[in-house]
Each structure stands twice: as structure tokens, then as C-alpha cells.
Amino acid sequence: MGFGDAKKLDELFIGGQKADSQDLGDAGKKTDKGFVPAWDTPFLTKIDGLILVAGHTPVAVTQKLNLILSKLKAYIDEAAHIRGDVRPGIYKGHEQYVYLILLWWWW
């Protein structure tokens, strides 16, 4: 992607979370190939990016995701597809509160 010497700037990030999972306290097991974290299978593969699609309805999200994938299908492979929904009832909308707080602190 043209990052040049960026790899030298943050070797821990480039190495990935899996490499440090045992030191971070993740559950898992030691094997003859080293420590294998007890993660869901798709996350044990190398993931280079994330596409997050949000919308007001599942149909709108699916349409937007299909549009994005149609443009990128020659360049990417899907490692996992996880659907999330807002919390129901009196808790609806509360998950965004933490997100907004984090944005505020970063700005």
C-alpha cells in the first residue's frame, strides 16, 4: 500500500495482536508452534483491514455492503462477517454513548 518505512515506526502494531496475545492475558493453549489464542477462527487468520458499514435498517446496510464489495472484490477476501444490532427497548441507543464519549476525548 505504499507505506515505505512505516513498518519500522511501529513494530508491535505491524506484528499484530496475535503475537502478543498470551502476554495480554488472552485464553489459549501452548502448542509445538507456540501459543494459540482461543479466538474465533476467522480472527486467527491475518487481517489487514476492516470495513464497518452502518445504517438505519438491515436492508440499507446490506445494500451498501454489496456496493462496497462489488467494487473491491478483486482486491479483498472476507475473513468474517459480523452483524450487530442496536439494543432493544429502554437500552436502545446506549451503545452509541460510549462511542461519542471516546470521540470527544480524541478530539
PDB file of N, CA and C in Angstrom:
ATOM      1  N   MET A   1       0.817  -1.197   0.000  1.00  0.00           N
ATOM      2  CA  MET A   1       0.000   0.000   0.000  1.00  0.00           C
ATOM      3  C   MET A   1       0.857   1.255   0.000  1.00  0.00           C
ATOM      4  N   GLY A   2       2.129   1.111  -0.117  1.00  0.00           N
ATOM      5  CA  GLY A   2       2.985   2.278  -0.239  1.00  0.00           C
ATOM      6  C   GLY A   2       3.369   2.938   1.070  1.00  0.00           C
ATOM      7  N   PHE A   3       3.446   2.169   2.146  1.00  0.00           N
ATOM      8  CA  PHE A   3       3.791   2.762   3.427  1.00  0.00           C
ATOM      9  C   PHE A   3       5.296   2.926   3.613  1.00  0.00           C
ATOM     10  N   GLY A   4       6.079   2.344   2.734  1.00  0.00           N
ATOM     11  CA  GLY A   4       7.525   2.519   2.796  1.00  0.00           C
ATOM     12  C   GLY A   4       8.118   2.062   4.117  1.00  0.00           C
ATOM     13  N   ASP A   5       8.732   2.992   4.830  1.00  0.00           N
ATOM     14  CA  ASP A   5       9.412   2.676   6.084  1.00  0.00           C
ATOM     15  C   ASP A   5       8.482   2.680   7.297  1.00  0.00           C
ATOM     16  N   ALA A   6       7.185   2.709   7.088  1.00  0.00           N
ATOM     17  CA  ALA A   6       6.240   2.740   8.210  1.00  0.00           C
ATOM     18  C   ALA A   6       6.401   1.519   9.106  1.00  0.00           C
ATOM     19  N   LYS A   7       6.810   0.393   8.545  1.00  0.00           N
ATOM     20  CA  LYS A   7       6.991  -0.816   9.344  1.00  0.00           C
ATOM     21  C   LYS A   7       7.999  -0.607  10.463  1.00  0.00           C
ATOM     22  N   LYS A   8       8.975   0.219  10.227  1.00  0.00           N
ATOM     23  CA  LYS A   8       9.995   0.487  11.243  1.00  0.00           C
ATOM     24  C   LYS A   8       9.460   1.344  12.381  1.00  0.00           C
ATOM     25  N   LEU A   9       8.370   2.067  12.131  1.00  0.00           N
ATOM     26  CA  LEU A   9       7.856   3.009  13.121  1.00  0.00           C
ATOM     27  C   LEU A   9       7.083   2.340  14.244  1.00  0.00           C
ATOM     28  N   ASP A  10       6.400   1.255  13.943  1.00  0.00           N
ATOM     29  CA  ASP A  10       5.573   0.628  14.953  1.00  0.00           C
ATOM     30  C   ASP A  10       5.593  -0.889  14.790  1.00  0.00           C
ATOM     31  N   GLU A  11       6.682  -1.502  15.198  1.00  0.00           N
ATOM     32  CA  GLU A  11       6.852  -2.942  15.011  1.00  0.00           C
ATOM     33  C   GLU A  11       5.823  -3.755  15.781  1.00  0.00           C
ATOM     34  N   LEU A  12       5.384  -3.280  16.950  1.00  0.00           N
ATOM     35  CA  LEU A  12       4.378  -4.015  17.711  1.00  0.00           C
ATOM     36  C   LEU A  12       3.045  -4.048  16.973  1.00  0.00           C
ATOM     37  N   PHE A  13       2.670  -2.934  16.368  1.00  0.00           N
ATOM     38  CA  PHE A  13       1.432  -2.881  15.609  1.00  0.00           C
ATOM     39  C   PHE A  13       1.534  -3.782  14.383  1.00  0.00           C
ATOM     40  N   ILE A  14       2.620  -3.690  13.670  1.00  0.00           N
ATOM     41  CA  ILE A  14       2.815  -4.487  12.463  1.00  0.00           C
ATOM     42  C   ILE A  14       2.837  -5.975  12.814  1.00  0.00           C
ATOM     43  N   GLY A  15       3.387  -6.335  13.982  1.00  0.00           N
ATOM     44  CA  GLY A  15       3.452  -7.730  14.405  1.00  0.00           C
ATOM     45  C   GLY A  15       2.092  -8.332  14.677  1.00  0.00           C
ATOM     46  N   GLY A  16       1.122  -7.498  15.003  1.00  0.00           N
ATOM     47  CA  GLY A  16      -0.235  -7.965  15.235  1.00  0.00           C
ATOM     48  C   GLY A  16      -0.508  -8.343  16.678  1.00  0.00           C
ATOM     49  N   GLN A  17      -1.769  -8.307  17.041  1.00  0.00           N
ATOM     50  CA  GLN A  17      -2.188  -8.611  18.406  1.00  0.00           C
ATOM     51  C   GLN A  17      -1.996 -10.084  18.739  1.00  0.00           C
ATOM     52  N   LYS A  18      -2.107 -10.941  17.746  1.00  0.00           N
ATOM     53  CA  LYS A  18      -1.961 -12.371  17.992  1.00  0.00           C
ATOM     54  C   LYS A  18      -0.593 -12.701  18.578  1.00  0.00           C
ATOM     55  N   ALA A  19       0.438 -12.015  18.097  1.00  0.00           N
ATOM     56  CA  ALA A  19       1.799 -12.280  18.569  1.00  0.00           C
ATOM     57  C   ALA A  19       1.952 -12.007  20.063  1.00  0.00           C
ATOM     58  N   ASP A  20       1.179 -11.078  20.583  1.00  0.00           N
ATOM     59  CA  ASP A  20       1.272 -10.706  21.999  1.00  0.00           C
ATOM     60  C   ASP A  20       0.079 -11.179  22.820  1.00  0.00           C
ATOM     61  N   SER A  21      -0.746 -12.026  22.246  1.00  0.00           N
ATOM     62  CA  SER A  21      -1.996 -12.409  22.919  1.00  0.00           C
ATOM     63  C   SER A  21      -1.768 -13.075  24.270  1.00  0.00           C
ATOM     64  N   GLN A  22      -0.766 -13.909  24.388  1.00  0.00           N
ATOM     65  CA  GLN A  22      -0.507 -14.563  25.670  1.00  0.00           C
ATOM     66  C   GLN A  22      -0.079 -13.532  26.709  1.00  0.00           C
ATOM     67  N   ASP A  23       0.802 -12.619  26.327  1.00  0.00           N
ATOM     68  CA  ASP A  23       1.256 -11.575  27.255  1.00  0.00           C
ATOM     69  C   ASP A  23       0.129 -10.636  27.649  1.00  0.00           C
ATOM     70  N   LEU A  24      -0.874 -10.501  26.778  1.00  0.00           N
ATOM     71  CA  LEU A  24      -2.021  -9.649  27.074  1.00  0.00           C
ATOM     72  C   LEU A  24      -3.064 -10.348  27.944  1.00  0.00           C
ATOM     73  N   GLY A  25      -2.823 -11.646  28.231  1.00  0.00           N
ATOM     74  CA  GLY A  25      -3.712 -12.382  29.122  1.00  0.00           C
ATOM     75  C   GLY A  25      -4.844 -13.114  28.424  1.00  0.00           C
ATOM     76  N   ASP A  26      -4.776 -13.249  27.095  1.00  0.00           N
ATOM     77  CA  ASP A  26      -5.821 -13.971  26.380  1.00  0.00           C
ATOM     78  C   ASP A  26      -5.770 -15.454  26.723  1.00  0.00           C
ATOM     79  N   ALA A  27      -6.943 -16.071  26.775  1.00  0.00           N
ATOM     80  CA  ALA A  27      -7.022 -17.518  26.972  1.00  0.00           C
ATOM     81  C   ALA A  27      -6.492 -18.198  25.722  1.00  0.00           C
ATOM     82  N   GLY A  28      -5.981 -19.410  25.893  1.00  0.00           N
ATOM     83  CA  GLY A  28      -5.467 -20.159  24.754  1.00  0.00           C
ATOM     84  C   GLY A  28      -4.658 -21.339  25.228  1.00  0.00           C
ATOM     85  N   LYS A  29      -3.898 -21.911  24.303  1.00  0.00           N
ATOM     86  CA  LYS A  29      -3.084 -23.070  24.676  1.00  0.00           C
ATOM     87  C   LYS A  29      -1.738 -23.010  23.972  1.00  0.00           C
ATOM     88  N   LYS A  30      -0.757 -23.608  24.623  1.00  0.00           N
ATOM     89  CA  LYS A  30       0.576 -23.702  24.036  1.00  0.00           C
ATOM     90  C   LYS A  30       0.617 -24.944  23.154  1.00  0.00           C
ATOM     91  N   THR A  31       1.183 -24.784  21.978  1.00  0.00           N
ATOM     92  CA  THR A  31       1.345 -25.903  21.056  1.00  0.00           C
ATOM     93  C   THR A  31       2.813 -25.958  20.632  1.00  0.00           C
ATOM     94  N   ASP A  32       3.149 -26.941  19.804  1.00  0.00           N
ATOM     95  CA  ASP A  32       4.525 -27.027  19.311  1.00  0.00           C
ATOM     96  C   ASP A  32       4.861 -25.855  18.384  1.00  0.00           C
ATOM     97  N   LYS A  33       3.839 -25.125  17.910  1.00  0.00           N
ATOM     98  CA  LYS A  33       4.062 -23.952  17.059  1.00  0.00           C
ATOM     99  C   LYS A  33       3.965 -22.653  17.848  1.00  0.00           C
ATOM    100  N   GLY A  34       3.855 -22.756  19.169  1.00  0.00           N
ATOM    101  CA  GLY A  34       3.741 -21.571  20.003  1.00  0.00           C
ATOM    102  C   GLY A  34       2.363 -21.446  20.619  1.00  0.00           C
ATOM    103  N   PHE A  35       2.049 -20.291  21.150  1.00  0.00           N
ATOM    104  CA  PHE A  35       0.769 -20.044  21.808  1.00  0.00           C
ATOM    105  C   PHE A  35      -0.311 -19.768  20.769  1.00  0.00           C
ATOM    106  N   VAL A  36      -1.461 -20.424  20.932  1.00  0.00           N
ATOM    107  CA  VAL A  36      -2.604 -20.202  20.042  1.00  0.00           C
ATOM    108  C   VAL A  36      -3.748 -19.654  20.893  1.00  0.00           C
ATOM    109  N   PRO A  37      -4.129 -18.398  20.677  1.00  0.00           N
ATOM    110  CA  PRO A  37      -5.211 -17.820  21.474  1.00  0.00           C
ATOM    111  C   PRO A  37      -6.549 -18.490  21.164  1.00  0.00           C
ATOM    112  N   ALA A  38      -7.433 -18.501  22.147  1.00  0.00           N
ATOM    113  CA  ALA A  38      -8.756 -19.109  21.999  1.00  0.00           C
ATOM    114  C   ALA A  38      -9.715 -18.097  21.373  1.00  0.00           C
ATOM    115  N   TRP A  39      -9.398 -17.675  20.174  1.00  0.00           N
ATOM    116  CA  TRP A  39     -10.216 -16.703  19.447  1.00  0.00           C
ATOM    117  C   TRP A  39     -11.123 -17.427  18.479  1.00  0.00           C
ATOM    118  N   ASP A  40     -12.171 -16.749  18.026  1.00  0.00           N
ATOM    119  CA  ASP A  40     -12.995 -17.285  16.950  1.00  0.00           C
ATOM    120  C   ASP A  40     -12.100 -17.496  15.733  1.00  0.00           C
ATOM    121  N   THR A  41     -12.333 -18.566  15.006  1.00  0.00           N
ATOM    122  CA  THR A  41     -11.469 -18.980  13.895  1.00  0.00           C
ATOM    123  C   THR A  41     -11.121 -17.867  12.908  1.00  0.00           C
ATOM    124  N   PRO A  42     -12.076 -17.048  12.453  1.00  0.00           N
ATOM    125  CA  PRO A  42     -11.689 -16.020  11.472  1.00  0.00           C
ATOM    126  C   PRO A  42     -10.619 -15.057  11.980  1.00  0.00           C
ATOM    127  N   PHE A  43     -10.561 -14.844  13.277  1.00  0.00           N
ATOM    128  CA  PHE A  43      -9.615 -13.887  13.837  1.00  0.00           C
ATOM    129  C   PHE A  43      -8.223 -14.480  14.055  1.00  0.00           C
ATOM    130  N   LEU A  44      -8.086 -15.768  13.815  1.00  0.00           N
ATOM    131  CA  LEU A  44      -6.772 -16.403  13.888  1.00  0.00           C
ATOM    132  C   LEU A  44      -6.007 -16.227  12.581  1.00  0.00           C
ATOM    133  N   THR A  45      -6.676 -15.784  11.535  1.00  0.00           N
ATOM    134  CA  THR A  45      -6.021 -15.508  10.257  1.00  0.00           C
ATOM    135  C   THR A  45      -5.487 -14.085  10.275  1.00  0.00           C
ATOM    136  N   LYS A  46      -4.647 -13.762   9.308  1.00  0.00           N
ATOM    137  CA  LYS A  46      -4.094 -12.406   9.213  1.00  0.00           C
ATOM    138  C   LYS A  46      -5.164 -11.476   8.634  1.00  0.00           C
ATOM    139  N   ILE A  47      -5.506 -10.459   9.363  1.00  0.00           N
ATOM    140  CA  ILE A  47      -6.498  -9.481   8.917  1.00  0.00           C
ATOM    141  C   ILE A  47      -5.781  -8.148   8.735  1.00  0.00           C
ATOM    142  N   ASP A  48      -5.892  -7.604   7.552  1.00  0.00           N
ATOM    143  CA  ASP A  48      -5.202  -6.355   7.234  1.00  0.00           C
ATOM    144  C   ASP A  48      -6.110  -5.138   7.269  1.00  0.00           C
ATOM    145  N   GLY A  49      -7.407  -5.343   7.351  1.00  0.00           N
ATOM    146  CA  GLY A  49      -8.301  -4.197   7.325  1.00  0.00           C
ATOM    147  C   GLY A  49      -9.687  -4.568   7.808  1.00  0.00           C
ATOM    148  N   LEU A  50     -10.504  -3.551   7.947  1.00  0.00           N
ATOM    149  CA  LEU A  50     -11.855  -3.708   8.452  1.00  0.00           C
ATOM    150  C   LEU A  50     -12.759  -2.755   7.694  1.00  0.00           C
ATOM    151  N   ILE A  51     -13.894  -3.267   7.278  1.00  0.00           N
ATOM    152  CA  ILE A  51     -14.908  -2.418   6.665  1.00  0.00           C
ATOM    153  C   ILE A  51     -16.102  -2.424   7.606  1.00  0.00           C
ATOM    154  N   LEU A  52     -16.458  -1.270   8.098  1.00  0.00           N
ATOM    155  CA  LEU A  52     -17.595  -1.134   9.004  1.00  0.00           C
ATOM    156  C   LEU A  52     -18.689  -0.393   8.250  1.00  0.00           C
ATOM    157  N   VAL A  53     -19.850  -1.028   8.131  1.00  0.00           N
ATOM    158  CA  VAL A  53     -20.979  -0.428   7.428  1.00  0.00           C
ATOM    159  C   VAL A  53     -22.120  -0.295   8.425  1.00  0.00           C
ATOM    160  N   ALA A  54     -22.683   0.899   8.522  1.00  0.00           N
ATOM    161  CA  ALA A  54     -23.793   1.142   9.440  1.00  0.00           C
ATOM    162  C   ALA A  54     -24.927   1.824   8.690  1.00  0.00           C
ATOM    163  N   GLY A  55     -26.143   1.629   9.180  1.00  0.00           N
ATOM    164  CA  GLY A  55     -27.301   2.252   8.551  1.00  0.00           C
ATOM    165  C   GLY A  55     -28.522   2.129   9.436  1.00  0.00           C
ATOM    166  N   HIS A  56     -29.611   2.703   8.966  1.00  0.00           N
ATOM    167  CA  HIS A  56     -30.846   2.717   9.756  1.00  0.00           C
ATOM    168  C   HIS A  56     -31.626   1.412   9.687  1.00  0.00           C
ATOM    169  N   THR A  57     -31.395   0.600   8.654  1.00  0.00           N
ATOM    170  CA  THR A  57     -32.087  -0.681   8.517  1.00  0.00           C
ATOM    171  C   THR A  57     -31.104  -1.734   8.030  1.00  0.00           C
ATOM    172  N   PRO A  58     -31.395  -3.002   8.325  1.00  0.00           N
ATOM    173  CA  PRO A  58     -30.540  -4.076   7.811  1.00  0.00           C
ATOM    174  C   PRO A  58     -30.484  -4.088   6.278  1.00  0.00           C
ATOM    175  N   VAL A  59     -31.579  -3.748   5.631  1.00  0.00           N
ATOM    176  CA  VAL A  59     -31.611  -3.717   4.162  1.00  0.00           C
ATOM    177  C   VAL A  59     -30.648  -2.651   3.632  1.00  0.00           C
ATOM    178  N   ALA A  60     -30.659  -1.470   4.239  1.00  0.00           N
ATOM    179  CA  ALA A  60     -29.762  -0.395   3.812  1.00  0.00           C
ATOM    180  C   ALA A  60     -28.303  -0.792   4.001  1.00  0.00           C
ATOM    181  N   VAL A  61     -28.004  -1.454   5.096  1.00  0.00           N
ATOM    182  CA  VAL A  61     -26.635  -1.893   5.367  1.00  0.00           C
ATOM    183  C   VAL A  61     -26.210  -2.939   4.336  1.00  0.00           C
ATOM    184  N   THR A  62     -27.085  -3.894   4.061  1.00  0.00           N
ATOM    185  CA  THR A  62     -26.776  -4.937   3.079  1.00  0.00           C
ATOM    186  C   THR A  62     -26.539  -4.335   1.701  1.00  0.00           C
ATOM    187  N   GLN A  63     -27.377  -3.384   1.304  1.00  0.00           N
ATOM    188  CA  GLN A  63     -27.196  -2.733   0.004  1.00  0.00           C
ATOM    189  C   GLN A  63     -25.856  -2.006  -0.076  1.00  0.00           C
ATOM    190  N   LYS A  64     -25.507  -1.278   0.955  1.00  0.00           N
ATOM    191  CA  LYS A  64     -24.237  -0.538   0.960  1.00  0.00           C
ATOM    192  C   LYS A  64     -23.054  -1.500   0.980  1.00  0.00           C
ATOM    193  N   LEU A  65     -23.140  -2.554   1.787  1.00  0.00           N
ATOM    194  CA  LEU A  65     -22.063  -3.544   1.833  1.00  0.00           C
ATOM    195  C   LEU A  65     -21.877  -4.200   0.469  1.00  0.00           C
ATOM    196  N   ASN A  66     -22.968  -4.565  -0.179  1.00  0.00           N
ATOM    197  CA  ASN A  66     -22.880  -5.183  -1.505  1.00  0.00           C
ATOM    198  C   ASN A  66     -22.233  -4.235  -2.512  1.00  0.00           C
ATOM    199  N   LEU A  67     -22.543  -2.954  -2.433  1.00  0.00           N
ATOM    200  CA  LEU A  67     -21.937  -1.972  -3.323  1.00  0.00           C
ATOM    201  C   LEU A  67     -20.420  -1.891  -3.094  1.00  0.00           C
ATOM    202  N   ILE A  68     -20.029  -1.820  -1.822  1.00  0.00           N
ATOM    203  CA  ILE A  68     -18.604  -1.749  -1.475  1.00  0.00           C
ATOM    204  C   ILE A  68     -17.870  -3.006  -1.942  1.00  0.00           C
ATOM    205  N   LEU A  69     -18.454  -4.169  -1.654  1.00  0.00           N
ATOM    206  CA  LEU A  69     -17.803  -5.425  -2.031  1.00  0.00           C
ATOM    207  C   LEU A  69     -17.727  -5.589  -3.546  1.00  0.00           C
ATOM    208  N   SER A  70     -18.722  -5.089  -4.277  1.00  0.00           N
ATOM    209  CA  SER A  70     -18.683  -5.195  -5.738  1.00  0.00           C
ATOM    210  C   SER A  70     -17.513  -4.407  -6.313  1.00  0.00           C
ATOM    211  N   LYS A  71     -17.140  -3.337  -5.661  1.00  0.00           N
ATOM    212  CA  LYS A  71     -16.023  -2.511  -6.136  1.00  0.00           C
ATOM    213  C   LYS A  71     -14.660  -3.046  -5.682  1.00  0.00           C
ATOM    214  N   LEU A  72     -14.644  -3.776  -4.566  1.00  0.00           N
ATOM    215  CA  LEU A  72     -13.371  -4.240  -4.001  1.00  0.00           C
ATOM    216  C   LEU A  72     -13.131  -5.737  -4.145  1.00  0.00           C
ATOM    217  N   LYS A  73     -14.080  -6.483  -4.715  1.00  0.00           N
ATOM    218  CA  LYS A  73     -13.981  -7.945  -4.703  1.00  0.00           C
ATOM    219  C   LYS A  73     -12.705  -8.492  -5.342  1.00  0.00           C
ATOM    220  N   ALA A  74     -12.124  -7.754  -6.266  1.00  0.00           N
ATOM    221  CA  ALA A  74     -10.881  -8.213  -6.897  1.00  0.00           C
ATOM    222  C   ALA A  74      -9.672  -8.014  -5.986  1.00  0.00           C
ATOM    223  N   TYR A  75      -9.831  -7.261  -4.920  1.00  0.00           N
ATOM    224  CA  TYR A  75      -8.694  -6.877  -4.081  1.00  0.00           C
ATOM    225  C   TYR A  75      -8.742  -7.424  -2.661  1.00  0.00           C
ATOM    226  N   ILE A  76      -9.902  -7.919  -2.235  1.00  0.00           N
ATOM    227  CA  ILE A  76     -10.038  -8.341  -0.840  1.00  0.00           C
ATOM    228  C   ILE A  76     -10.685  -9.718  -0.737  1.00  0.00           C
ATOM    229  N   ASP A  77     -10.470 -10.352   0.401  1.00  0.00           N
ATOM    230  CA  ASP A  77     -11.165 -11.578   0.785  1.00  0.00           C
ATOM    231  C   ASP A  77     -11.846 -11.300   2.109  1.00  0.00           C
ATOM    232  N   GLU A  78     -13.025 -11.819   2.288  1.00  0.00           N
ATOM    233  CA  GLU A  78     -13.762 -11.608   3.537  1.00  0.00           C
ATOM    234  C   GLU A  78     -13.357 -12.674   4.546  1.00  0.00           C
ATOM    235  N   ALA A  79     -12.809 -12.237   5.678  1.00  0.00           N
ATOM    236  CA  ALA A  79     -12.406 -13.161   6.739  1.00  0.00           C
ATOM    237  C   ALA A  79     -13.581 -13.459   7.664  1.00  0.00           C
ATOM    238  N   ALA A  80     -14.422 -12.473   7.904  1.00  0.00           N
ATOM    239  CA  ALA A  80     -15.566 -12.645   8.796  1.00  0.00           C
ATOM    240  C   ALA A  80     -16.621 -11.596   8.459  1.00  0.00           C
ATOM    241  N   HIS A  81     -17.839 -11.936   8.758  1.00  0.00           N
ATOM    242  CA  HIS A  81     -18.968 -11.021   8.554  1.00  0.00           C
ATOM    243  C   HIS A  81     -19.782 -11.077   9.842  1.00  0.00           C
ATOM    244  N   ILE A  82     -19.811  -9.991  10.569  1.00  0.00           N
ATOM    245  CA  ILE A  82     -20.489  -9.958  11.863  1.00  0.00           C
ATOM    246  C   ILE A  82     -21.565  -8.890  11.825  1.00  0.00           C
ATOM    247  N   ARG A  83     -22.783  -9.286  12.128  1.00  0.00           N
ATOM    248  CA  ARG A  83     -23.892  -8.336  12.147  1.00  0.00           C
ATOM    249  C   ARG A  83     -24.130  -7.882  13.585  1.00  0.00           C
ATOM    250  N   GLY A  84     -24.294  -6.596  13.750  1.00  0.00           N
ATOM    251  CA  GLY A  84     -24.613  -6.043  15.057  1.00  0.00           C
ATOM    252  C   GLY A  84     -25.897  -5.250  14.971  1.00  0.00           C
ATOM    253  N   ASP A  85     -26.647  -5.264  16.018  1.00  0.00           N
ATOM    254  CA  ASP A  85     -27.901  -4.509  16.079  1.00  0.00           C
ATOM    255  C   ASP A  85     -27.902  -3.624  17.310  1.00  0.00           C
ATOM    256  N   VAL A  86     -28.690  -2.566  17.262  1.00  0.00           N
ATOM    257  CA  VAL A  86     -28.826  -1.709  18.439  1.00  0.00           C
ATOM    258  C   VAL A  86     -29.555  -2.475  19.526  1.00  0.00           C
ATOM    259  N   ARG A  87     -29.356  -2.040  20.740  1.00  0.00           N
ATOM    260  CA  ARG A  87     -30.010  -2.690  21.868  1.00  0.00           C
ATOM    261  C   ARG A  87     -31.487  -2.341  21.882  1.00  0.00           C
ATOM    262  N   PRO A  88     -32.334  -3.266  22.263  1.00  0.00           N
ATOM    263  CA  PRO A  88     -33.780  -3.033  22.229  1.00  0.00           C
ATOM    264  C   PRO A  88     -34.310  -2.284  23.456  1.00  0.00           C
ATOM    265  N   GLY A  89     -35.537  -1.826  23.324  1.00  0.00           N
ATOM    266  CA  GLY A  89     -36.274  -1.252  24.445  1.00  0.00           C
ATOM    267  C   GLY A  89     -35.622  -0.034  25.063  1.00  0.00           C
ATOM    268  N   ILE A  90     -35.613   0.014  26.400  1.00  0.00           N
ATOM    269  CA  ILE A  90     -35.104   1.191  27.104  1.00  0.00           C
ATOM    270  C   ILE A  90     -33.594   1.371  26.936  1.00  0.00           C
ATOM    271  N   TYR A  91     -32.910   0.334  26.473  1.00  0.00           N
ATOM    272  CA  TYR A  91     -31.458   0.420  26.278  1.00  0.00           C
ATOM    273  C   TYR A  91     -31.077   0.882  24.874  1.00  0.00           C
ATOM    274  N   LYS A  92     -32.071   1.046  24.003  1.00  0.00           N
ATOM    275  CA  LYS A  92     -31.800   1.448  22.618  1.00  0.00           C
ATOM    276  C   LYS A  92     -31.033   2.770  22.606  1.00  0.00           C
ATOM    277  N   GLY A  93     -29.930   2.772  21.866  1.00  0.00           N
ATOM    278  CA  GLY A  93     -29.134   3.985  21.740  1.00  0.00           C
ATOM    279  C   GLY A  93     -28.019   4.133  22.757  1.00  0.00           C
ATOM    280  N   HIS A  94     -28.006   3.322  23.788  1.00  0.00           N
ATOM    281  CA  HIS A  94     -26.977   3.476  24.823  1.00  0.00           C
ATOM    282  C   HIS A  94     -25.589   3.057  24.365  1.00  0.00           C
ATOM    283  N   GLU A  95     -25.506   2.155  23.377  1.00  0.00           N
ATOM    284  CA  GLU A  95     -24.186   1.741  22.918  1.00  0.00           C
ATOM    285  C   GLU A  95     -23.446   2.877  22.233  1.00  0.00           C
ATOM    286  N   GLN A  96     -24.158   3.817  21.626  1.00  0.00           N
ATOM    287  CA  GLN A  96     -23.505   4.938  20.970  1.00  0.00           C
ATOM    288  C   GLN A  96     -22.928   5.935  21.977  1.00  0.00           C
ATOM    289  N   TYR A  97     -23.406   5.956  23.196  1.00  0.00           N
ATOM    290  CA  TYR A  97     -22.943   6.909  24.199  1.00  0.00           C
ATOM    291  C   TYR A  97     -21.440   6.768  24.435  1.00  0.00           C
ATOM    292  N   VAL A  98     -20.970   5.539  24.615  1.00  0.00           N
ATOM    293  CA  VAL A  98     -19.536   5.319  24.845  1.00  0.00           C
ATOM    294  C   VAL A  98     -18.750   5.750  23.620  1.00  0.00           C
ATOM    295  N   TYR A  99     -19.257   5.436  22.438  1.00  0.00           N
ATOM    296  CA  TYR A  99     -18.599   5.831  21.199  1.00  0.00           C
ATOM    297  C   TYR A  99     -18.462   7.345  21.136  1.00  0.00           C
ATOM    298  N   LEU A 100     -19.521   8.074  21.488  1.00  0.00           N
ATOM    299  CA  LEU A 100     -19.478   9.531  21.454  1.00  0.00           C
ATOM    300  C   LEU A 100     -18.495  10.084  22.483  1.00  0.00           C
ATOM    301  N   ILE A 101     -18.447   9.469  23.642  1.00  0.00           N
ATOM    302  CA  ILE A 101     -17.506   9.898  24.673  1.00  0.00           C
ATOM    303  C   ILE A 101     -16.071   9.712  24.178  1.00  0.00           C
ATOM    304  N   LEU A 102     -15.792   8.562  23.561  1.00  0.00           N
ATOM    305  CA  LEU A 102     -14.441   8.313  23.059  1.00  0.00           C
ATOM    306  C   LEU A 102     -14.073   9.304  21.967  1.00  0.00           C
ATOM    307  N   LEU A 103     -15.019   9.630  21.106  1.00  0.00           N
ATOM    308  CA  LEU A 103     -14.739  10.621  20.073  1.00  0.00           C
ATOM    309  C   LEU A 103     -14.428  11.971  20.706  1.00  0.00           C
ATOM    310  N   TRP A 104     -15.178  12.323  21.719  1.00  0.00           N
ATOM    311  CA  TRP A 104     -14.971  13.612  22.369  1.00  0.00           C
ATOM    312  C   TRP A 104     -13.566  13.682  22.968  1.00  0.00           C
ATOM    313  N   TRP A 105     -13.137  12.610  23.607  1.00  0.00           N
ATOM    314  CA  TRP A 105     -11.806  12.625  24.216  1.00  0.00           C
ATOM    315  C   TRP A 105     -10.708  12.684  23.178  1.00  0.00           C
ATOM    316  N   TRP A 106     -10.926  12.078  22.023  1.00  0.00           N
ATOM    317  CA  TRP A 106      -9.908  12.106  20.983  1.00  0.00           C
ATOM    318  C   TRP A 106      -9.842  13.428  20.281  1.00  0.00           C
ATOM    319  N   TRP A 107     -10.918  14.181  20.245  1.00  0.00           N
ATOM    320  CA  TRP A 107     -10.918  15.482  19.568  1.00  0.00           C
ATOM    321  C   TRP A 107     -10.499  16.505  20.548  1.00  0.00           C
TER     322      TRP A 107
END
